[in-house]
Amino acid sequence: MPILIALVSLVVLLTSIPAMAADFCLDLGGCKYVGKSFLKPTKGKCKPWQGYVREDIGIGCPNGTTEGVACVNAAGDTLRLSLTTTAPNDVFFDDVRIPLPAFEGGTDKFFQLSTGTPQSFTAKKWEPSSDCPPTSIP
């Protein structure tokens, strides 16, 4: 009987521990955004986003920390993120919309505070997922 009680206790303990979320990576106009321990929200829900942008001087991606919110619409067919990235010498804003479940063909309306010039980029899930998170973290 004590073994049965111990087994039941172990099962209850293990099923009550929340699953650890993996990092979630996006390709926004070639810039790699990493949401640390992020799980996509369910239909009609929102979740906070915290992470960073991986620096890529060649295409103008800064090292920076990123915060914001991610929501899935009530229909469950669009992921929308509103992100603010703080880099050493500038601040960037992204309004991202990505179709679900494909994670392809989305848009990123990007605004750089220092230039005041809005731009539009493509938005999709970062592939290959094996490089999420990248080996180099700022």
C-alpha atoms as a PDB file:
ATOM      1  CA  MET A   1       0.000   0.000   0.000  1.00  0.00           C
ATOM      2  CA  PRO A   2       2.787   2.555   0.734  1.00  0.00           C
ATOM      3  CA  ILE A   3       4.187   1.947  -2.774  1.00  0.00           C
ATOM      4  CA  LEU A   4       0.782   2.665  -4.323  1.00  0.00           C
ATOM      5  CA  ILE A   5       0.465   5.910  -2.366  1.00  0.00           C
ATOM      6  CA  ALA A   6       3.981   6.924  -3.436  1.00  0.00           C
ATOM      7  CA  LEU A   7       3.196   6.190  -7.099  1.00  0.00           C
ATOM      8  CA  VAL A   8      -0.069   8.131  -7.010  1.00  0.00           C
ATOM      9  CA  SER A   9       1.722  11.047  -5.322  1.00  0.00           C
ATOM     10  CA  LEU A  10       4.424  11.003  -7.996  1.00  0.00           C
ATOM     11  CA  VAL A  11       1.869  10.998 -10.823  1.00  0.00           C
ATOM     12  CA  VAL A  12      -0.013  13.918  -9.244  1.00  0.00           C
ATOM     13  CA  LEU A  13       3.222  15.845  -8.790  1.00  0.00           C
ATOM     14  CA  LEU A  14       4.423  15.274 -12.353  1.00  0.00           C
ATOM     15  CA  THR A  15       1.092  16.168 -13.954  1.00  0.00           C
ATOM     16  CA  SER A  16       0.843  19.400 -11.977  1.00  0.00           C
ATOM     17  CA  ILE A  17       4.206  20.754 -13.179  1.00  0.00           C
ATOM     18  CA  PRO A  18       3.716  23.078 -16.172  1.00  0.00           C
ATOM     19  CA  ALA A  19       5.559  22.203 -19.376  1.00  0.00           C
ATOM     20  CA  MET A  20       8.685  24.228 -20.026  1.00  0.00           C
ATOM     21  CA  ALA A  21       8.336  26.403 -23.088  1.00  0.00           C
ATOM     22  CA  ALA A  22      11.035  26.412 -25.730  1.00  0.00           C
ATOM     23  CA  ASP A  23      12.310  29.570 -27.352  1.00  0.00           C
ATOM     24  CA  PHE A  24      10.167  30.837 -30.232  1.00  0.00           C
ATOM     25  CA  CYS A  25      11.974  32.396 -33.168  1.00  0.00           C
ATOM     26  CA  LEU A  26      10.738  34.730 -35.896  1.00  0.00           C
ATOM     27  CA  ASP A  27      12.294  36.025 -39.108  1.00  0.00           C
ATOM     28  CA  LEU A  28      11.188  39.633 -39.524  1.00  0.00           C
ATOM     29  CA  GLY A  29      12.635  41.032 -42.726  1.00  0.00           C
ATOM     30  CA  GLY A  30      15.741  38.899 -42.262  1.00  0.00           C
ATOM     31  CA  CYS A  31      16.256  39.933 -38.626  1.00  0.00           C
ATOM     32  CA  LYS A  32      16.093  37.068 -36.144  1.00  0.00           C
ATOM     33  CA  TYR A  33      13.825  37.699 -33.138  1.00  0.00           C
ATOM     34  CA  VAL A  34      13.945  35.218 -30.231  1.00  0.00           C
ATOM     35  CA  GLY A  35      11.080  35.018 -27.713  1.00  0.00           C
ATOM     36  CA  LYS A  36      12.551  33.362 -24.628  1.00  0.00           C
ATOM     37  CA  SER A  37      10.450  30.478 -23.230  1.00  0.00           C
ATOM     38  CA  PHE A  38       7.475  31.574 -25.337  1.00  0.00           C
ATOM     39  CA  LEU A  39       4.421  29.518 -26.247  1.00  0.00           C
ATOM     40  CA  LYS A  40       1.994  30.845 -28.849  1.00  0.00           C
ATOM     41  CA  PRO A  41      -1.256  31.950 -27.169  1.00  0.00           C
ATOM     42  CA  THR A  42      -4.482  30.043 -27.774  1.00  0.00           C
ATOM     43  CA  LYS A  43      -7.428  31.480 -29.741  1.00  0.00           C
ATOM     44  CA  GLY A  44      -8.593  34.842 -28.432  1.00  0.00           C
ATOM     45  CA  LYS A  45      -5.742  35.109 -25.900  1.00  0.00           C
ATOM     46  CA  CYS A  46      -2.570  37.162 -25.443  1.00  0.00           C
ATOM     47  CA  LYS A  47       0.794  36.522 -23.784  1.00  0.00           C
ATOM     48  CA  PRO A  48       3.797  38.690 -23.011  1.00  0.00           C
ATOM     49  CA  TRP A  49       6.874  38.437 -25.246  1.00  0.00           C
ATOM     50  CA  GLN A  50      10.389  38.930 -23.887  1.00  0.00           C
ATOM     51  CA  GLY A  51      13.556  38.207 -25.796  1.00  0.00           C
ATOM     52  CA  TYR A  52      16.144  39.711 -28.063  1.00  0.00           C
ATOM     53  CA  VAL A  53      17.148  40.433 -31.649  1.00  0.00           C
ATOM     54  CA  ARG A  54      20.229  38.697 -32.978  1.00  0.00           C
ATOM     55  CA  GLU A  55      22.676  41.193 -34.468  1.00  0.00           C
ATOM     56  CA  ASP A  56      23.304  41.053 -38.218  1.00  0.00           C
ATOM     57  CA  ILE A  57      25.229  44.109 -39.388  1.00  0.00           C
ATOM     58  CA  GLY A  58      24.873  43.076 -43.045  1.00  0.00           C
ATOM     59  CA  ILE A  59      21.135  43.743 -43.083  1.00  0.00           C
ATOM     60  CA  GLY A  60      20.953  46.289 -40.267  1.00  0.00           C
ATOM     61  CA  CYS A  61      19.687  44.136 -37.404  1.00  0.00           C
ATOM     62  CA  PRO A  62      20.833  45.499 -34.032  1.00  0.00           C
ATOM     63  CA  ASN A  63      21.677  43.630 -30.868  1.00  0.00           C
ATOM     64  CA  GLY A  64      18.805  44.521 -28.606  1.00  0.00           C
ATOM     65  CA  THR A  65      16.292  43.358 -26.061  1.00  0.00           C
ATOM     66  CA  THR A  66      12.688  42.963 -27.165  1.00  0.00           C
ATOM     67  CA  GLU A  67       9.484  43.189 -25.162  1.00  0.00           C
ATOM     68  CA  GLY A  68       5.867  43.241 -26.159  1.00  0.00           C
ATOM     69  CA  VAL A  69       2.682  41.267 -26.434  1.00  0.00           C
ATOM     70  CA  ALA A  70       1.546  38.465 -28.750  1.00  0.00           C
ATOM     71  CA  CYS A  71      -2.117  37.658 -29.406  1.00  0.00           C
ATOM     72  CA  VAL A  72      -4.010  35.122 -31.492  1.00  0.00           C
ATOM     73  CA  ASN A  73      -7.312  36.423 -32.845  1.00  0.00           C
ATOM     74  CA  ALA A  74     -10.638  34.786 -31.933  1.00  0.00           C
ATOM     75  CA  ALA A  75     -10.725  32.870 -35.236  1.00  0.00           C
ATOM     76  CA  GLY A  76      -7.287  31.408 -34.470  1.00  0.00           C
ATOM     77  CA  ASP A  77      -5.943  32.283 -37.926  1.00  0.00           C
ATOM     78  CA  THR A  78      -3.608  35.209 -37.134  1.00  0.00           C
ATOM     79  CA  LEU A  79      -0.775  35.773 -34.667  1.00  0.00           C
ATOM     80  CA  ARG A  80      -0.219  39.466 -33.967  1.00  0.00           C
ATOM     81  CA  LEU A  81       2.783  40.820 -32.087  1.00  0.00           C
ATOM     82  CA  SER A  82       3.464  44.349 -30.953  1.00  0.00           C
ATOM     83  CA  LEU A  83       7.183  44.563 -30.119  1.00  0.00           C
ATOM     84  CA  THR A  84       9.562  47.225 -28.859  1.00  0.00           C
ATOM     85  CA  THR A  85      13.290  46.625 -29.283  1.00  0.00           C
ATOM     86  CA  THR A  86      15.826  48.666 -27.343  1.00  0.00           C
ATOM     87  CA  ALA A  87      19.280  48.721 -28.913  1.00  0.00           C
ATOM     88  CA  PRO A  88      22.365  50.607 -27.669  1.00  0.00           C
ATOM     89  CA  ASN A  89      21.684  53.697 -29.828  1.00  0.00           C
ATOM     90  CA  ASP A  90      18.067  53.426 -30.948  1.00  0.00           C
ATOM     91  CA  VAL A  91      14.562  52.089 -30.361  1.00  0.00           C
ATOM     92  CA  PHE A  92      12.571  50.037 -32.883  1.00  0.00           C
ATOM     93  CA  PHE A  93       8.870  49.153 -33.058  1.00  0.00           C
ATOM     94  CA  ASP A  94       7.331  46.193 -34.910  1.00  0.00           C
ATOM     95  CA  ASP A  95       3.646  45.536 -35.622  1.00  0.00           C
ATOM     96  CA  VAL A  96       3.665  41.913 -36.837  1.00  0.00           C
ATOM     97  CA  ARG A  97       0.834  39.835 -38.321  1.00  0.00           C
ATOM     98  CA  ILE A  98       1.462  36.218 -39.304  1.00  0.00           C
ATOM     99  CA  PRO A  99      -1.175  33.832 -40.721  1.00  0.00           C
ATOM    100  CA  LEU A 100      -1.742  30.617 -38.763  1.00  0.00           C
ATOM    101  CA  PRO A 101      -1.119  27.741 -38.859  1.00  0.00           C
ATOM    102  CA  ALA A 102       1.324  28.278 -41.767  1.00  0.00           C
ATOM    103  CA  PHE A 103       3.553  30.900 -40.084  1.00  0.00           C
ATOM    104  CA  GLU A 104       4.381  32.168 -43.610  1.00  0.00           C
ATOM    105  CA  GLY A 105       3.450  35.231 -45.643  1.00  0.00           C
ATOM    106  CA  GLY A 106       3.084  37.633 -42.739  1.00  0.00           C
ATOM    107  CA  THR A 107       3.856  41.331 -42.541  1.00  0.00           C
ATOM    108  CA  ASP A 108       6.006  43.425 -40.229  1.00  0.00           C
ATOM    109  CA  LYS A 109       5.354  47.167 -40.099  1.00  0.00           C
ATOM    110  CA  PHE A 110       8.660  48.428 -38.728  1.00  0.00           C
ATOM    111  CA  PHE A 111       9.462  51.886 -37.347  1.00  0.00           C
ATOM    112  CA  GLN A 112      12.910  53.120 -36.290  1.00  0.00           C
ATOM    113  CA  LEU A 113      12.717  55.982 -33.796  1.00  0.00           C
ATOM    114  CA  SER A 114      15.942  57.734 -34.871  1.00  0.00           C
ATOM    115  CA  THR A 115      14.960  57.951 -38.552  1.00  0.00           C
ATOM    116  CA  GLY A 116      11.203  58.271 -38.175  1.00  0.00           C
ATOM    117  CA  THR A 117      10.767  56.274 -41.363  1.00  0.00           C
ATOM    118  CA  PRO A 118       8.244  53.411 -41.418  1.00  0.00           C
ATOM    119  CA  GLN A 119       9.105  50.307 -43.435  1.00  0.00           C
ATOM    120  CA  SER A 120       7.383  47.026 -44.283  1.00  0.00           C
ATOM    121  CA  PHE A 121       8.983  43.590 -44.224  1.00  0.00           C
ATOM    122  CA  THR A 122       7.945  39.964 -44.517  1.00  0.00           C
ATOM    123  CA  ALA A 123       7.301  38.002 -41.345  1.00  0.00           C
ATOM    124  CA  LYS A 124       7.477  34.257 -40.794  1.00  0.00           C
ATOM    125  CA  LYS A 125       8.617  31.594 -38.390  1.00  0.00           C
ATOM    126  CA  TRP A 126      12.403  31.289 -38.319  1.00  0.00           C
ATOM    127  CA  GLU A 127      13.691  28.256 -40.190  1.00  0.00           C
ATOM    128  CA  PRO A 128      15.527  26.043 -39.634  1.00  0.00           C
ATOM    129  CA  SER A 129      14.132  25.656 -36.142  1.00  0.00           C
ATOM    130  CA  SER A 130      17.317  23.809 -35.204  1.00  0.00           C
ATOM    131  CA  ASP A 131      19.003  27.251 -35.085  1.00  0.00           C
ATOM    132  CA  CYS A 132      16.489  28.555 -32.517  1.00  0.00           C
ATOM    133  CA  PRO A 133      17.884  29.867 -30.305  1.00  0.00           C
ATOM    134  CA  PRO A 134      21.040  30.750 -32.147  1.00  0.00           C
ATOM    135  CA  THR A 135      24.345  29.596 -30.800  1.00  0.00           C
ATOM    136  CA  SER A 136      25.429  33.194 -30.192  1.00  0.00           C
ATOM    137  CA  ILE A 137      23.300  35.187 -27.787  1.00  0.00           C
ATOM    138  CA  PRO A 138      23.930  38.948 -27.430  1.00  0.00           C
END
